[in-house]
Amino acid sequence: MTRWLDDEEQEAWRAFYGTVTLLIDRLDRELQHDAGMPHAYYEILVVLSEAPQRSLRMSELALLTRSSRSRLSHAVTKLEAHGWVKRRDCDDDKRGQFADLTDQGFAALVAAAPGHVETVRRHLFDALAPEQIEQLQQISQAIAETLKT
């Protein structure tokens, strides 16, 4: 039997979904305008910048960026064209490849980061009281836990 949302749940769902959609759209538009890259590319650069030697297997990068392998491959091809990422074959697995963040890619990330952080601060954190930030973290973690299974 379907457990329909009651009125309060429906309002909360629509508010949450609408807000997340608007925020991601704003992040994407501002990164495109300010840094010439979509949010998805920025996320790839961030994940690679935090990896040991700024390098990850493509399969692991796909998992960490919540992307399909084909979508990630397409994005990495575009990032390679900018000189921001370089692919290399895996020595012990002929089918595997690594994505390496280049110095040029790291510089592009460093240049884009201040504007991105300001957008996140302005449209998310500046709208919240300190206790709401803690609640947002707790709520987000609780939701994420249900999605891990």
N, C-alpha and C. Protein backbone atom coordinates (compact mmCIF):
# COMPACT_ATOMS: atom_id res chain seq x y z
N MET A 1 0.83 -1.18 0.00
CA MET A 1 0.00 0.00 0.00
C MET A 1 0.89 1.25 0.00
N THR A 2 0.54 2.25 -0.77
CA THR A 2 1.29 3.50 -0.87
C THR A 2 1.10 4.34 0.38
N ARG A 3 2.22 4.79 0.92
CA ARG A 3 2.18 5.70 2.07
C ARG A 3 2.25 7.12 1.53
N TRP A 4 1.11 7.71 1.22
CA TRP A 4 1.06 9.04 0.64
C TRP A 4 1.58 10.08 1.62
N LEU A 5 2.12 11.16 1.09
CA LEU A 5 2.58 12.27 1.93
C LEU A 5 1.38 13.05 2.44
N ASP A 6 1.45 13.42 3.73
CA ASP A 6 0.39 14.29 4.23
C ASP A 6 0.71 15.73 3.80
N ASP A 7 -0.14 16.66 4.12
CA ASP A 7 0.03 18.04 3.65
C ASP A 7 1.35 18.66 4.10
N GLU A 8 1.70 18.43 5.36
CA GLU A 8 2.95 18.99 5.89
C GLU A 8 4.16 18.37 5.20
N GLU A 9 4.14 17.05 5.01
CA GLU A 9 5.24 16.38 4.31
C GLU A 9 5.34 16.85 2.86
N GLN A 10 4.19 17.01 2.21
CA GLN A 10 4.17 17.48 0.82
C GLN A 10 4.79 18.88 0.71
N GLU A 11 4.44 19.77 1.63
CA GLU A 11 5.02 21.12 1.64
C GLU A 11 6.53 21.07 1.89
N ALA A 12 6.95 20.24 2.83
CA ALA A 12 8.38 20.11 3.13
C ALA A 12 9.13 19.55 1.92
N TRP A 13 8.57 18.51 1.29
CA TRP A 13 9.20 17.91 0.12
C TRP A 13 9.37 18.94 -1.00
N ARG A 14 8.30 19.65 -1.30
CA ARG A 14 8.36 20.62 -2.40
C ARG A 14 9.33 21.76 -2.09
N ALA A 15 9.36 22.20 -0.85
CA ALA A 15 10.30 23.25 -0.45
C ALA A 15 11.74 22.76 -0.59
N PHE A 16 12.00 21.56 -0.09
CA PHE A 16 13.35 20.97 -0.17
C PHE A 16 13.77 20.80 -1.62
N TYR A 17 12.94 20.13 -2.41
CA TYR A 17 13.28 19.85 -3.80
C TYR A 17 13.48 21.14 -4.60
N GLY A 18 12.58 22.08 -4.42
CA GLY A 18 12.70 23.35 -5.13
C GLY A 18 13.96 24.10 -4.76
N THR A 19 14.30 24.10 -3.49
CA THR A 19 15.49 24.80 -3.01
C THR A 19 16.76 24.16 -3.55
N VAL A 20 16.85 22.85 -3.45
CA VAL A 20 18.05 22.15 -3.95
C VAL A 20 18.21 22.39 -5.44
N THR A 21 17.12 22.31 -6.19
CA THR A 21 17.17 22.52 -7.63
C THR A 21 17.63 23.94 -7.96
N LEU A 22 17.06 24.92 -7.27
CA LEU A 22 17.46 26.31 -7.50
C LEU A 22 18.92 26.56 -7.14
N LEU A 23 19.38 25.98 -6.03
CA LEU A 23 20.76 26.18 -5.59
C LEU A 23 21.74 25.55 -6.59
N ILE A 24 21.49 24.34 -7.01
CA ILE A 24 22.39 23.68 -7.97
C ILE A 24 22.40 24.46 -9.29
N ASP A 25 21.23 24.93 -9.73
CA ASP A 25 21.16 25.72 -10.95
C ASP A 25 21.97 27.01 -10.81
N ARG A 26 21.85 27.67 -9.67
CA ARG A 26 22.60 28.92 -9.45
C ARG A 26 24.10 28.65 -9.42
N LEU A 27 24.52 27.58 -8.73
CA LEU A 27 25.94 27.23 -8.70
C LEU A 27 26.47 26.98 -10.11
N ASP A 28 25.69 26.26 -10.89
CA ASP A 28 26.10 25.93 -12.25
C ASP A 28 26.21 27.20 -13.11
N ARG A 29 25.21 28.05 -13.05
CA ARG A 29 25.21 29.27 -13.87
C ARG A 29 26.37 30.20 -13.48
N GLU A 30 26.60 30.34 -12.18
CA GLU A 30 27.67 31.26 -11.76
C GLU A 30 29.04 30.70 -12.08
N LEU A 31 29.24 29.39 -11.95
CA LEU A 31 30.52 28.80 -12.34
C LEU A 31 30.73 28.93 -13.85
N GLN A 32 29.68 28.73 -14.62
CA GLN A 32 29.77 28.90 -16.08
C GLN A 32 30.18 30.33 -16.41
N HIS A 33 29.50 31.28 -15.78
CA HIS A 33 29.77 32.68 -16.06
C HIS A 33 31.16 33.11 -15.59
N ASP A 34 31.51 32.76 -14.35
CA ASP A 34 32.75 33.25 -13.74
C ASP A 34 33.99 32.47 -14.15
N ALA A 35 33.83 31.14 -14.33
CA ALA A 35 35.01 30.30 -14.54
C ALA A 35 34.96 29.51 -15.85
N GLY A 36 33.86 29.60 -16.58
CA GLY A 36 33.76 28.88 -17.85
C GLY A 36 33.66 27.38 -17.71
N MET A 37 33.09 26.94 -16.59
CA MET A 37 32.93 25.49 -16.41
C MET A 37 31.62 25.21 -15.69
N PRO A 38 30.96 24.10 -16.05
CA PRO A 38 29.76 23.72 -15.31
C PRO A 38 30.12 23.16 -13.94
N HIS A 39 29.13 23.13 -13.07
CA HIS A 39 29.34 22.63 -11.71
C HIS A 39 29.87 21.20 -11.72
N ALA A 40 29.41 20.37 -12.65
CA ALA A 40 29.87 18.97 -12.71
C ALA A 40 31.37 18.90 -12.94
N TYR A 41 31.91 19.78 -13.78
CA TYR A 41 33.36 19.78 -14.04
C TYR A 41 34.11 20.27 -12.80
N TYR A 42 33.56 21.29 -12.15
CA TYR A 42 34.16 21.79 -10.92
C TYR A 42 34.26 20.67 -9.89
N GLU A 43 33.19 19.90 -9.76
CA GLU A 43 33.19 18.81 -8.79
C GLU A 43 34.26 17.77 -9.10
N ILE A 44 34.45 17.45 -10.37
CA ILE A 44 35.50 16.51 -10.77
C ILE A 44 36.87 17.07 -10.37
N LEU A 45 37.11 18.33 -10.65
CA LEU A 45 38.39 18.95 -10.30
C LEU A 45 38.61 18.93 -8.79
N VAL A 46 37.57 19.22 -8.02
CA VAL A 46 37.69 19.21 -6.56
C VAL A 46 38.06 17.81 -6.06
N VAL A 47 37.34 16.80 -6.53
CA VAL A 47 37.60 15.43 -6.08
C VAL A 47 39.03 15.01 -6.44
N LEU A 48 39.46 15.33 -7.65
CA LEU A 48 40.84 15.00 -8.03
C LEU A 48 41.86 15.77 -7.19
N SER A 49 41.56 17.03 -6.87
CA SER A 49 42.50 17.83 -6.09
C SER A 49 42.70 17.28 -4.68
N GLU A 50 41.71 16.56 -4.17
CA GLU A 50 41.78 16.00 -2.82
C GLU A 50 42.33 14.59 -2.78
N ALA A 51 42.56 13.98 -3.95
CA ALA A 51 43.06 12.61 -4.03
C ALA A 51 44.58 12.59 -3.91
N PRO A 52 45.13 11.48 -3.42
CA PRO A 52 46.59 11.36 -3.37
C PRO A 52 47.18 11.55 -4.77
N GLN A 53 48.21 12.36 -4.86
CA GLN A 53 48.87 12.71 -6.11
C GLN A 53 47.90 13.30 -7.14
N ARG A 54 46.74 13.78 -6.68
CA ARG A 54 45.72 14.38 -7.55
C ARG A 54 45.36 13.44 -8.70
N SER A 55 45.19 12.14 -8.36
CA SER A 55 44.92 11.12 -9.37
C SER A 55 43.97 10.07 -8.81
N LEU A 56 43.02 9.62 -9.65
CA LEU A 56 42.10 8.55 -9.27
C LEU A 56 41.79 7.68 -10.47
N ARG A 57 41.50 6.40 -10.19
CA ARG A 57 40.97 5.55 -11.26
C ARG A 57 39.65 6.14 -11.71
N MET A 58 39.37 6.03 -12.98
CA MET A 58 38.13 6.58 -13.53
C MET A 58 36.91 5.97 -12.83
N SER A 59 36.96 4.67 -12.53
CA SER A 59 35.82 4.03 -11.87
C SER A 59 35.58 4.62 -10.49
N GLU A 60 36.65 4.91 -9.75
CA GLU A 60 36.50 5.50 -8.42
C GLU A 60 36.03 6.96 -8.53
N LEU A 61 36.54 7.67 -9.51
CA LEU A 61 36.12 9.05 -9.73
C LEU A 61 34.63 9.11 -10.06
N ALA A 62 34.15 8.15 -10.84
CA ALA A 62 32.72 8.09 -11.17
C ALA A 62 31.89 7.90 -9.89
N LEU A 63 32.33 7.02 -9.01
CA LEU A 63 31.61 6.80 -7.76
C LEU A 63 31.60 8.06 -6.89
N LEU A 64 32.74 8.68 -6.76
CA LEU A 64 32.86 9.84 -5.87
C LEU A 64 32.12 11.07 -6.39
N THR A 65 31.94 11.15 -7.69
CA THR A 65 31.20 12.27 -8.28
C THR A 65 29.76 11.90 -8.59
N ARG A 66 29.36 10.69 -8.21
CA ARG A 66 27.99 10.21 -8.44
C ARG A 66 27.61 10.34 -9.90
N SER A 67 28.49 9.86 -10.75
CA SER A 67 28.31 9.98 -12.19
C SER A 67 28.39 8.61 -12.84
N SER A 68 27.69 8.42 -13.94
CA SER A 68 27.86 7.18 -14.69
C SER A 68 29.24 7.20 -15.34
N ARG A 69 29.74 6.04 -15.66
CA ARG A 69 31.06 5.98 -16.29
C ARG A 69 31.06 6.68 -17.64
N SER A 70 29.98 6.53 -18.40
CA SER A 70 29.95 7.18 -19.72
C SER A 70 29.87 8.70 -19.58
N ARG A 71 29.08 9.19 -18.65
CA ARG A 71 28.99 10.64 -18.44
C ARG A 71 30.33 11.19 -17.95
N LEU A 72 30.98 10.46 -17.04
CA LEU A 72 32.29 10.90 -16.55
C LEU A 72 33.31 10.90 -17.68
N SER A 73 33.31 9.87 -18.50
CA SER A 73 34.25 9.79 -19.62
C SER A 73 34.08 10.99 -20.55
N HIS A 74 32.84 11.34 -20.83
CA HIS A 74 32.57 12.51 -21.68
C HIS A 74 33.10 13.79 -21.03
N ALA A 75 32.85 13.95 -19.73
CA ALA A 75 33.31 15.14 -19.01
C ALA A 75 34.84 15.21 -18.99
N VAL A 76 35.49 14.07 -18.75
CA VAL A 76 36.96 14.05 -18.70
C VAL A 76 37.53 14.38 -20.08
N THR A 77 36.88 13.94 -21.13
CA THR A 77 37.32 14.31 -22.48
C THR A 77 37.30 15.82 -22.65
N LYS A 78 36.25 16.47 -22.17
CA LYS A 78 36.16 17.94 -22.24
C LYS A 78 37.24 18.59 -21.36
N LEU A 79 37.46 18.03 -20.18
CA LEU A 79 38.48 18.58 -19.28
C LEU A 79 39.88 18.40 -19.87
N GLU A 80 40.10 17.29 -20.57
CA GLU A 80 41.38 17.08 -21.26
C GLU A 80 41.59 18.14 -22.34
N ALA A 81 40.53 18.48 -23.06
CA ALA A 81 40.63 19.49 -24.12
C ALA A 81 41.06 20.84 -23.57
N HIS A 82 40.69 21.14 -22.32
CA HIS A 82 41.11 22.37 -21.65
C HIS A 82 42.52 22.26 -21.08
N GLY A 83 43.05 21.03 -21.03
CA GLY A 83 44.35 20.81 -20.42
C GLY A 83 44.29 20.69 -18.91
N TRP A 84 43.09 20.48 -18.37
CA TRP A 84 42.91 20.44 -16.92
C TRP A 84 43.06 19.04 -16.34
N VAL A 85 42.81 18.04 -17.13
CA VAL A 85 42.90 16.64 -16.69
C VAL A 85 43.62 15.86 -17.79
N LYS A 86 44.35 14.84 -17.36
CA LYS A 86 45.00 13.96 -18.32
C LYS A 86 44.69 12.52 -17.93
N ARG A 87 44.31 11.74 -18.92
CA ARG A 87 44.05 10.31 -18.68
C ARG A 87 45.33 9.54 -18.91
N ARG A 88 45.47 8.44 -18.15
CA ARG A 88 46.59 7.52 -18.40
C ARG A 88 46.13 6.11 -18.10
N ASP A 89 46.72 5.17 -18.80
CA ASP A 89 46.35 3.77 -18.63
C ASP A 89 46.87 3.24 -17.31
N CYS A 90 46.14 2.28 -16.78
CA CYS A 90 46.53 1.59 -15.54
C CYS A 90 47.52 0.50 -15.90
N ASP A 91 48.66 0.47 -15.22
CA ASP A 91 49.71 -0.51 -15.53
C ASP A 91 49.29 -1.95 -15.27
N ASP A 92 48.53 -2.19 -14.20
CA ASP A 92 48.19 -3.56 -13.82
C ASP A 92 46.82 -4.02 -14.30
N ASP A 93 46.10 -3.14 -14.99
CA ASP A 93 44.77 -3.50 -15.51
C ASP A 93 44.59 -2.78 -16.84
N LYS A 94 44.70 -3.52 -17.91
CA LYS A 94 44.68 -2.92 -19.25
C LYS A 94 43.37 -2.20 -19.56
N ARG A 95 42.28 -2.59 -18.88
CA ARG A 95 41.00 -1.93 -19.12
C ARG A 95 40.84 -0.65 -18.31
N GLY A 96 41.62 -0.52 -17.25
CA GLY A 96 41.47 0.62 -16.35
C GLY A 96 42.25 1.84 -16.79
N GLN A 97 41.76 3.00 -16.38
CA GLN A 97 42.45 4.26 -16.64
C GLN A 97 42.41 5.13 -15.39
N PHE A 98 43.38 6.01 -15.31
CA PHE A 98 43.42 7.01 -14.26
C PHE A 98 43.11 8.37 -14.86
N ALA A 99 42.55 9.24 -14.05
CA ALA A 99 42.41 10.65 -14.40
C ALA A 99 43.34 11.41 -13.46
N ASP A 100 44.21 12.21 -14.03
CA ASP A 100 45.17 13.01 -13.27
C ASP A 100 44.84 14.49 -13.43
N LEU A 101 44.77 15.21 -12.34
CA LEU A 101 44.57 16.65 -12.38
C LEU A 101 45.90 17.29 -12.74
N THR A 102 45.93 18.08 -13.80
CA THR A 102 47.16 18.75 -14.21
C THR A 102 47.37 20.01 -13.38
N ASP A 103 48.57 20.57 -13.47
CA ASP A 103 48.84 21.84 -12.79
C ASP A 103 47.91 22.93 -13.33
N GLN A 104 47.66 22.90 -14.63
CA GLN A 104 46.75 23.87 -15.25
C GLN A 104 45.33 23.68 -14.70
N GLY A 105 44.91 22.43 -14.50
CA GLY A 105 43.60 22.15 -13.95
C GLY A 105 43.50 22.61 -12.50
N PHE A 106 44.56 22.39 -11.74
CA PHE A 106 44.57 22.84 -10.35
C PHE A 106 44.49 24.37 -10.29
N ALA A 107 45.20 25.04 -11.20
CA ALA A 107 45.14 26.50 -11.25
C ALA A 107 43.74 26.98 -11.60
N ALA A 108 43.06 26.29 -12.52
CA ALA A 108 41.68 26.65 -12.88
C ALA A 108 40.76 26.47 -11.68
N LEU A 109 40.97 25.41 -10.91
CA LEU A 109 40.17 25.17 -9.71
C LEU A 109 40.42 26.27 -8.67
N VAL A 110 41.67 26.60 -8.44
CA VAL A 110 42.02 27.65 -7.49
C VAL A 110 41.39 28.98 -7.90
N ALA A 111 41.38 29.27 -9.20
CA ALA A 111 40.78 30.51 -9.69
C ALA A 111 39.26 30.51 -9.53
N ALA A 112 38.62 29.35 -9.70
CA ALA A 112 37.16 29.26 -9.63
C ALA A 112 36.65 29.20 -8.19
N ALA A 113 37.44 28.69 -7.27
CA ALA A 113 36.98 28.41 -5.91
C ALA A 113 36.43 29.62 -5.17
N PRO A 114 37.07 30.78 -5.19
CA PRO A 114 36.53 31.91 -4.41
C PRO A 114 35.11 32.30 -4.83
N GLY A 115 34.84 32.35 -6.10
CA GLY A 115 33.49 32.69 -6.56
C GLY A 115 32.48 31.62 -6.18
N HIS A 116 32.89 30.36 -6.29
CA HIS A 116 32.00 29.25 -5.93
C HIS A 116 31.66 29.31 -4.44
N VAL A 117 32.67 29.50 -3.61
CA VAL A 117 32.45 29.57 -2.16
C VAL A 117 31.56 30.75 -1.81
N GLU A 118 31.76 31.87 -2.47
CA GLU A 118 30.91 33.05 -2.20
C GLU A 118 29.46 32.77 -2.58
N THR A 119 29.25 32.06 -3.68
CA THR A 119 27.89 31.71 -4.09
C THR A 119 27.24 30.79 -3.06
N VAL A 120 27.98 29.79 -2.59
CA VAL A 120 27.46 28.87 -1.56
C VAL A 120 27.15 29.66 -0.29
N ARG A 121 28.07 30.52 0.11
CA ARG A 121 27.86 31.30 1.34
C ARG A 121 26.63 32.20 1.20
N ARG A 122 26.53 32.93 0.10
CA ARG A 122 25.45 33.90 -0.09
C ARG A 122 24.09 33.23 -0.16
N HIS A 123 24.01 32.10 -0.87
CA HIS A 123 22.70 31.51 -1.12
C HIS A 123 22.32 30.39 -0.16
N LEU A 124 23.26 29.95 0.66
CA LEU A 124 22.94 28.90 1.63
C LEU A 124 23.19 29.38 3.06
N PHE A 125 24.44 29.59 3.40
CA PHE A 125 24.77 29.84 4.80
C PHE A 125 24.34 31.20 5.32
N ASP A 126 24.37 32.22 4.48
CA ASP A 126 23.95 33.55 4.95
C ASP A 126 22.46 33.59 5.28
N ALA A 127 21.69 32.65 4.73
CA ALA A 127 20.24 32.61 4.99
C ALA A 127 19.90 31.87 6.28
N LEU A 128 20.90 31.27 6.92
CA LEU A 128 20.65 30.41 8.08
C LEU A 128 21.29 30.96 9.35
N ALA A 129 20.64 30.71 10.46
CA ALA A 129 21.21 30.99 11.77
C ALA A 129 22.19 29.85 12.10
N PRO A 130 23.15 30.10 13.00
CA PRO A 130 24.13 29.06 13.32
C PRO A 130 23.50 27.72 13.72
N GLU A 131 22.43 27.74 14.50
CA GLU A 131 21.80 26.47 14.90
C GLU A 131 21.14 25.77 13.70
N GLN A 132 20.70 26.55 12.73
CA GLN A 132 20.12 25.95 11.52
C GLN A 132 21.18 25.26 10.67
N ILE A 133 22.40 25.80 10.68
CA ILE A 133 23.49 25.15 9.94
C ILE A 133 23.76 23.78 10.53
N GLU A 134 23.80 23.69 11.86
CA GLU A 134 23.98 22.40 12.52
C GLU A 134 22.82 21.46 12.19
N GLN A 135 21.61 21.98 12.20
CA GLN A 135 20.44 21.15 11.86
C GLN A 135 20.50 20.70 10.40
N LEU A 136 20.92 21.58 9.51
CA LEU A 136 21.05 21.21 8.10
C LEU A 136 22.04 20.06 7.93
N GLN A 137 23.15 20.13 8.65
CA GLN A 137 24.14 19.05 8.58
C GLN A 137 23.53 17.74 9.09
N GLN A 138 22.86 17.79 10.21
CA GLN A 138 22.25 16.59 10.78
C GLN A 138 21.18 16.01 9.86
N ILE A 139 20.34 16.86 9.33
CA ILE A 139 19.27 16.42 8.42
C ILE A 139 19.88 15.81 7.16
N SER A 140 20.88 16.48 6.61
CA SER A 140 21.52 15.98 5.38
C SER A 140 22.17 14.62 5.62
N GLN A 141 22.83 14.45 6.75
CA GLN A 141 23.46 13.18 7.08
C GLN A 141 22.41 12.08 7.26
N ALA A 142 21.29 12.40 7.90
CA ALA A 142 20.23 11.42 8.10
C ALA A 142 19.66 10.97 6.75
N ILE A 143 19.43 11.92 5.86
CA ILE A 143 18.91 11.57 4.52
C ILE A 143 19.94 10.74 3.75
N ALA A 144 21.20 11.15 3.81
CA ALA A 144 22.25 10.43 3.10
C ALA A 144 22.36 8.98 3.57
N GLU A 145 22.17 8.75 4.86
CA GLU A 145 22.25 7.39 5.38
C GLU A 145 21.19 6.48 4.74
N THR A 146 20.00 7.01 4.49
CA THR A 146 18.95 6.18 3.87
C THR A 146 19.26 5.87 2.42
N LEU A 147 20.11 6.69 1.80
CA LEU A 147 20.43 6.51 0.38
C LEU A 147 21.63 5.59 0.16
N LYS A 148 22.32 5.23 1.22
CA LYS A 148 23.51 4.37 1.10
C LYS A 148 23.14 2.90 0.93
N THR A 149 21.90 2.56 1.20
CA THR A 149 21.51 1.15 1.11
C THR A 149 20.85 0.86 -0.22
